[in-house]
Amino acid sequence: MKLSKEQFVKYVNRYEQMLKEEYVIMDVLDASPEWKPSGWLNSFYDLLHDMCELKEDAICGSALDWFCWETEFGERGDMRVIEVSDGAKWDITDAGVLYDYIMKYEVEK
């Protein structure tokens, strides 16, 4: 992980805000999903993901992928609980909790 907790939370939250703004703009302009700014947002996400140096599963992707897409940035309560091998359950409600989980279980020490 190349980011501090503060940086990670800042950039994940910024990415979420950028996506929300893009959805509003696309709706107003009736733009197609292939419009150019989507590529810019994807590049921002790719850089963020690379800076995190996360493990990836062929089916589920990384913990960041899961948080952003499956839990909708922690909004979906039915999708955001992770059970780990030591019996702990993590309710990943926001980017800060996700960072703590990643640092405890996914970053090699």
N, C-alpha and C. Protein backbone atom coordinates (compact mmCIF):
# COMPACT_ATOMS: atom_id res chain seq x y z
N MET A 1 0.86 -1.17 0.00
CA MET A 1 0.00 0.00 0.00
C MET A 1 0.90 1.24 0.00
N LYS A 2 0.75 2.03 -1.01
CA LYS A 2 1.57 3.23 -1.14
C LYS A 2 0.87 4.48 -0.60
N LEU A 3 -0.33 4.31 -0.08
CA LEU A 3 -1.10 5.45 0.41
C LEU A 3 -1.30 5.35 1.92
N SER A 4 -1.29 6.51 2.56
CA SER A 4 -1.64 6.56 3.98
C SER A 4 -3.16 6.40 4.08
N LYS A 5 -3.64 6.19 5.28
CA LYS A 5 -5.09 6.07 5.46
C LYS A 5 -5.80 7.34 5.01
N GLU A 6 -5.24 8.48 5.36
CA GLU A 6 -5.85 9.76 4.99
C GLU A 6 -5.92 9.91 3.47
N GLN A 7 -4.85 9.56 2.78
CA GLN A 7 -4.84 9.65 1.32
C GLN A 7 -5.84 8.67 0.71
N PHE A 8 -5.85 7.44 1.19
CA PHE A 8 -6.76 6.42 0.68
C PHE A 8 -8.21 6.89 0.81
N VAL A 9 -8.59 7.34 1.99
CA VAL A 9 -9.96 7.79 2.21
C VAL A 9 -10.28 8.97 1.31
N LYS A 10 -9.36 9.92 1.22
CA LYS A 10 -9.56 11.10 0.38
C LYS A 10 -9.81 10.71 -1.08
N TYR A 11 -8.97 9.83 -1.62
CA TYR A 11 -9.07 9.50 -3.04
C TYR A 11 -10.24 8.56 -3.36
N VAL A 12 -10.57 7.66 -2.46
CA VAL A 12 -11.76 6.81 -2.68
C VAL A 12 -13.01 7.68 -2.64
N ASN A 13 -13.09 8.57 -1.65
CA ASN A 13 -14.24 9.46 -1.56
C ASN A 13 -14.33 10.41 -2.76
N ARG A 14 -13.17 10.87 -3.22
CA ARG A 14 -13.16 11.75 -4.39
C ARG A 14 -13.63 11.00 -5.63
N TYR A 15 -13.20 9.76 -5.77
CA TYR A 15 -13.65 8.95 -6.91
C TYR A 15 -15.16 8.75 -6.87
N GLU A 16 -15.69 8.46 -5.70
CA GLU A 16 -17.14 8.30 -5.56
C GLU A 16 -17.86 9.59 -5.98
N GLN A 17 -17.37 10.73 -5.51
CA GLN A 17 -17.98 12.00 -5.88
C GLN A 17 -17.88 12.27 -7.38
N MET A 18 -16.74 11.95 -7.98
CA MET A 18 -16.56 12.12 -9.42
C MET A 18 -17.57 11.28 -10.19
N LEU A 19 -17.81 10.05 -9.75
CA LEU A 19 -18.79 9.19 -10.43
C LEU A 19 -20.20 9.76 -10.31
N LYS A 20 -20.55 10.25 -9.13
CA LYS A 20 -21.88 10.84 -8.94
C LYS A 20 -22.07 12.05 -9.86
N GLU A 21 -21.04 12.87 -9.94
CA GLU A 21 -21.11 14.04 -10.81
C GLU A 21 -21.21 13.62 -12.28
N GLU A 22 -20.47 12.58 -12.65
CA GLU A 22 -20.54 12.10 -14.02
C GLU A 22 -21.95 11.60 -14.35
N TYR A 23 -22.57 10.87 -13.44
CA TYR A 23 -23.93 10.35 -13.68
C TYR A 23 -24.91 11.49 -13.92
N VAL A 24 -24.79 12.57 -13.15
CA VAL A 24 -25.67 13.73 -13.32
C VAL A 24 -25.43 14.36 -14.69
N ILE A 25 -24.17 14.56 -15.05
CA ILE A 25 -23.85 15.18 -16.33
C ILE A 25 -24.32 14.31 -17.48
N MET A 26 -24.09 13.00 -17.38
CA MET A 26 -24.52 12.09 -18.45
C MET A 26 -26.03 12.11 -18.60
N ASP A 27 -26.74 12.20 -17.48
CA ASP A 27 -28.20 12.24 -17.53
C ASP A 27 -28.69 13.52 -18.19
N VAL A 28 -28.10 14.66 -17.82
CA VAL A 28 -28.49 15.95 -18.38
C VAL A 28 -28.20 16.00 -19.89
N LEU A 29 -27.03 15.50 -20.27
CA LEU A 29 -26.62 15.56 -21.68
C LEU A 29 -27.15 14.38 -22.49
N ASP A 30 -27.75 13.42 -21.82
CA ASP A 30 -28.20 12.19 -22.46
C ASP A 30 -27.03 11.56 -23.24
N ALA A 31 -25.88 11.52 -22.57
CA ALA A 31 -24.66 11.01 -23.19
C ALA A 31 -24.61 9.49 -23.14
N SER A 32 -23.88 8.92 -24.07
CA SER A 32 -23.70 7.47 -24.09
C SER A 32 -22.58 7.10 -23.12
N PRO A 33 -22.56 5.85 -22.64
CA PRO A 33 -21.51 5.43 -21.71
C PRO A 33 -20.11 5.49 -22.31
N GLU A 34 -19.99 5.60 -23.61
CA GLU A 34 -18.68 5.63 -24.25
C GLU A 34 -18.09 7.04 -24.32
N TRP A 35 -18.71 8.03 -23.71
CA TRP A 35 -18.20 9.38 -23.84
C TRP A 35 -16.85 9.52 -23.16
N LYS A 36 -16.04 10.41 -23.64
CA LYS A 36 -14.63 10.53 -23.29
C LYS A 36 -14.34 10.67 -21.78
N PRO A 37 -15.06 11.49 -21.03
CA PRO A 37 -14.74 11.61 -19.60
C PRO A 37 -14.81 10.29 -18.81
N SER A 38 -15.58 9.33 -19.28
CA SER A 38 -15.60 8.03 -18.60
C SER A 38 -14.21 7.40 -18.61
N GLY A 39 -13.48 7.56 -19.68
CA GLY A 39 -12.12 7.05 -19.77
C GLY A 39 -11.20 7.72 -18.76
N TRP A 40 -11.41 9.02 -18.54
CA TRP A 40 -10.60 9.74 -17.56
C TRP A 40 -10.87 9.21 -16.16
N LEU A 41 -12.13 8.98 -15.86
CA LEU A 41 -12.47 8.44 -14.53
C LEU A 41 -11.91 7.04 -14.35
N ASN A 42 -11.96 6.25 -15.40
CA ASN A 42 -11.38 4.90 -15.33
C ASN A 42 -9.87 4.97 -15.08
N SER A 43 -9.21 5.94 -15.70
CA SER A 43 -7.76 6.10 -15.49
C SER A 43 -7.46 6.52 -14.05
N PHE A 44 -8.29 7.38 -13.49
CA PHE A 44 -8.13 7.77 -12.09
C PHE A 44 -8.26 6.55 -11.19
N TYR A 45 -9.29 5.73 -11.45
CA TYR A 45 -9.50 4.52 -10.66
C TYR A 45 -8.32 3.56 -10.81
N ASP A 46 -7.84 3.38 -12.03
CA ASP A 46 -6.70 2.48 -12.26
C ASP A 46 -5.48 2.93 -11.47
N LEU A 47 -5.22 4.23 -11.47
CA LEU A 47 -4.08 4.76 -10.71
C LEU A 47 -4.28 4.53 -9.21
N LEU A 48 -5.47 4.82 -8.71
CA LEU A 48 -5.77 4.58 -7.30
C LEU A 48 -5.57 3.11 -6.95
N HIS A 49 -6.09 2.23 -7.79
CA HIS A 49 -5.98 0.79 -7.56
C HIS A 49 -4.51 0.35 -7.56
N ASP A 50 -3.75 0.86 -8.51
CA ASP A 50 -2.32 0.51 -8.59
C ASP A 50 -1.57 1.00 -7.35
N MET A 51 -1.91 2.16 -6.85
CA MET A 51 -1.24 2.70 -5.66
C MET A 51 -1.54 1.86 -4.42
N CYS A 52 -2.65 1.15 -4.43
CA CYS A 52 -3.03 0.32 -3.28
C CYS A 52 -2.31 -1.02 -3.28
N GLU A 53 -1.85 -1.48 -4.43
CA GLU A 53 -1.12 -2.75 -4.55
C GLU A 53 -1.91 -3.91 -3.93
N LEU A 54 -3.18 -4.04 -4.31
CA LEU A 54 -4.05 -5.04 -3.71
C LEU A 54 -4.01 -6.37 -4.43
N LYS A 55 -4.29 -7.43 -3.65
CA LYS A 55 -4.43 -8.75 -4.24
C LYS A 55 -5.71 -8.77 -5.06
N GLU A 56 -5.68 -9.51 -6.17
CA GLU A 56 -6.87 -9.61 -7.00
C GLU A 56 -7.28 -11.05 -7.17
N ASP A 57 -8.56 -11.27 -7.12
CA ASP A 57 -9.17 -12.56 -7.36
C ASP A 57 -9.71 -12.52 -8.79
N ALA A 58 -9.57 -13.60 -9.52
CA ALA A 58 -10.01 -13.63 -10.91
C ALA A 58 -11.51 -13.39 -11.04
N ILE A 59 -12.27 -13.75 -10.04
CA ILE A 59 -13.73 -13.61 -10.11
C ILE A 59 -14.20 -12.29 -9.49
N CYS A 60 -13.69 -11.98 -8.31
CA CYS A 60 -14.18 -10.83 -7.56
C CYS A 60 -13.35 -9.56 -7.70
N GLY A 61 -12.18 -9.66 -8.26
CA GLY A 61 -11.30 -8.50 -8.33
C GLY A 61 -10.64 -8.26 -6.99
N SER A 62 -10.45 -7.02 -6.63
CA SER A 62 -9.79 -6.66 -5.37
C SER A 62 -10.82 -6.20 -4.34
N ALA A 63 -10.36 -5.97 -3.12
CA ALA A 63 -11.24 -5.45 -2.08
C ALA A 63 -11.77 -4.07 -2.47
N LEU A 64 -10.95 -3.27 -3.15
CA LEU A 64 -11.40 -1.95 -3.60
C LEU A 64 -12.48 -2.09 -4.67
N ASP A 65 -12.28 -3.00 -5.62
CA ASP A 65 -13.31 -3.25 -6.64
C ASP A 65 -14.63 -3.61 -5.97
N TRP A 66 -14.56 -4.55 -5.03
CA TRP A 66 -15.74 -5.01 -4.32
C TRP A 66 -16.42 -3.85 -3.60
N PHE A 67 -15.65 -3.03 -2.90
CA PHE A 67 -16.22 -1.92 -2.15
C PHE A 67 -16.92 -0.92 -3.07
N CYS A 68 -16.27 -0.58 -4.16
CA CYS A 68 -16.85 0.42 -5.08
C CYS A 68 -18.08 -0.10 -5.79
N TRP A 69 -18.02 -1.32 -6.30
CA TRP A 69 -19.08 -1.80 -7.19
C TRP A 69 -20.12 -2.66 -6.50
N GLU A 70 -19.72 -3.58 -5.66
CA GLU A 70 -20.68 -4.48 -5.03
C GLU A 70 -21.42 -3.82 -3.86
N THR A 71 -20.69 -3.03 -3.06
CA THR A 71 -21.33 -2.39 -1.91
C THR A 71 -21.77 -0.97 -2.21
N GLU A 72 -21.47 -0.49 -3.42
CA GLU A 72 -21.78 0.88 -3.82
C GLU A 72 -21.22 1.87 -2.79
N PHE A 73 -19.91 1.72 -2.56
CA PHE A 73 -19.17 2.57 -1.63
C PHE A 73 -19.71 2.46 -0.21
N GLY A 74 -20.11 1.25 0.19
CA GLY A 74 -20.58 0.99 1.55
C GLY A 74 -22.05 1.27 1.78
N GLU A 75 -22.76 1.65 0.74
CA GLU A 75 -24.18 1.97 0.88
C GLU A 75 -25.07 0.74 1.00
N ARG A 76 -24.66 -0.37 0.40
CA ARG A 76 -25.48 -1.59 0.42
C ARG A 76 -25.15 -2.43 1.65
N GLY A 77 -25.93 -2.28 2.68
CA GLY A 77 -25.71 -2.99 3.92
C GLY A 77 -25.74 -4.50 3.77
N ASP A 78 -26.49 -4.99 2.79
CA ASP A 78 -26.60 -6.44 2.58
C ASP A 78 -25.38 -7.04 1.91
N MET A 79 -24.48 -6.20 1.43
CA MET A 79 -23.31 -6.68 0.68
C MET A 79 -21.98 -6.35 1.33
N ARG A 80 -21.97 -5.60 2.41
CA ARG A 80 -20.70 -5.02 2.86
C ARG A 80 -20.01 -5.74 4.02
N VAL A 81 -20.51 -6.89 4.44
CA VAL A 81 -19.88 -7.62 5.54
C VAL A 81 -18.91 -8.66 4.99
N ILE A 82 -17.70 -8.65 5.52
CA ILE A 82 -16.67 -9.62 5.14
C ILE A 82 -16.39 -10.49 6.36
N GLU A 83 -16.47 -11.80 6.16
CA GLU A 83 -16.10 -12.74 7.22
C GLU A 83 -14.72 -13.29 6.88
N VAL A 84 -13.80 -13.19 7.83
CA VAL A 84 -12.43 -13.63 7.59
C VAL A 84 -12.14 -14.93 8.34
N SER A 85 -11.04 -15.55 7.98
CA SER A 85 -10.72 -16.88 8.49
C SER A 85 -10.54 -16.93 10.01
N ASP A 86 -10.22 -15.81 10.65
CA ASP A 86 -10.05 -15.83 12.11
C ASP A 86 -11.37 -15.67 12.85
N GLY A 87 -12.48 -15.65 12.10
CA GLY A 87 -13.81 -15.56 12.69
C GLY A 87 -14.34 -14.14 12.81
N ALA A 88 -13.52 -13.17 12.53
CA ALA A 88 -13.96 -11.77 12.63
C ALA A 88 -14.89 -11.43 11.48
N LYS A 89 -15.83 -10.55 11.75
CA LYS A 89 -16.72 -10.01 10.72
C LYS A 89 -16.47 -8.51 10.64
N TRP A 90 -16.25 -8.05 9.43
CA TRP A 90 -15.99 -6.64 9.18
C TRP A 90 -17.16 -6.04 8.40
N ASP A 91 -17.80 -5.02 8.96
CA ASP A 91 -18.85 -4.29 8.26
C ASP A 91 -18.17 -3.08 7.63
N ILE A 92 -17.93 -3.17 6.34
CA ILE A 92 -17.16 -2.15 5.62
C ILE A 92 -18.11 -1.01 5.21
N THR A 93 -18.30 -0.08 6.11
CA THR A 93 -19.25 1.01 5.91
C THR A 93 -18.69 2.20 5.15
N ASP A 94 -17.37 2.33 5.16
CA ASP A 94 -16.76 3.47 4.47
C ASP A 94 -15.31 3.15 4.12
N ALA A 95 -14.67 4.08 3.44
CA ALA A 95 -13.30 3.87 2.97
C ALA A 95 -12.30 3.71 4.12
N GLY A 96 -12.55 4.35 5.23
CA GLY A 96 -11.65 4.22 6.38
C GLY A 96 -11.65 2.82 6.96
N VAL A 97 -12.83 2.23 7.08
CA VAL A 97 -12.93 0.85 7.57
C VAL A 97 -12.31 -0.11 6.56
N LEU A 98 -12.53 0.16 5.27
CA LEU A 98 -11.91 -0.67 4.23
C LEU A 98 -10.40 -0.62 4.34
N TYR A 99 -9.83 0.55 4.54
CA TYR A 99 -8.38 0.68 4.69
C TYR A 99 -7.88 -0.16 5.86
N ASP A 100 -8.57 -0.07 7.00
CA ASP A 100 -8.16 -0.85 8.17
C ASP A 100 -8.21 -2.35 7.88
N TYR A 101 -9.26 -2.79 7.20
CA TYR A 101 -9.38 -4.20 6.82
C TYR A 101 -8.22 -4.62 5.91
N ILE A 102 -7.96 -3.81 4.88
CA ILE A 102 -6.89 -4.12 3.94
C ILE A 102 -5.55 -4.21 4.66
N MET A 103 -5.28 -3.27 5.53
CA MET A 103 -4.00 -3.25 6.23
C MET A 103 -3.86 -4.46 7.16
N LYS A 104 -4.96 -4.93 7.73
CA LYS A 104 -4.89 -6.06 8.65
C LYS A 104 -4.80 -7.39 7.91
N TYR A 105 -5.54 -7.54 6.81
CA TYR A 105 -5.67 -8.85 6.18
C TYR A 105 -5.06 -9.00 4.79
N GLU A 106 -4.81 -7.92 4.10
CA GLU A 106 -4.39 -8.06 2.71
C GLU A 106 -2.99 -7.55 2.40
N VAL A 107 -2.44 -6.71 3.23
CA VAL A 107 -1.10 -6.18 2.98
C VAL A 107 -0.10 -7.09 3.67
N GLU A 108 0.84 -7.58 2.88
CA GLU A 108 1.88 -8.44 3.44
C GLU A 108 2.81 -7.61 4.30
N LYS A 109 3.09 -8.13 5.46
CA LYS A 109 3.92 -7.38 6.40
C LYS A 109 5.37 -7.77 6.28
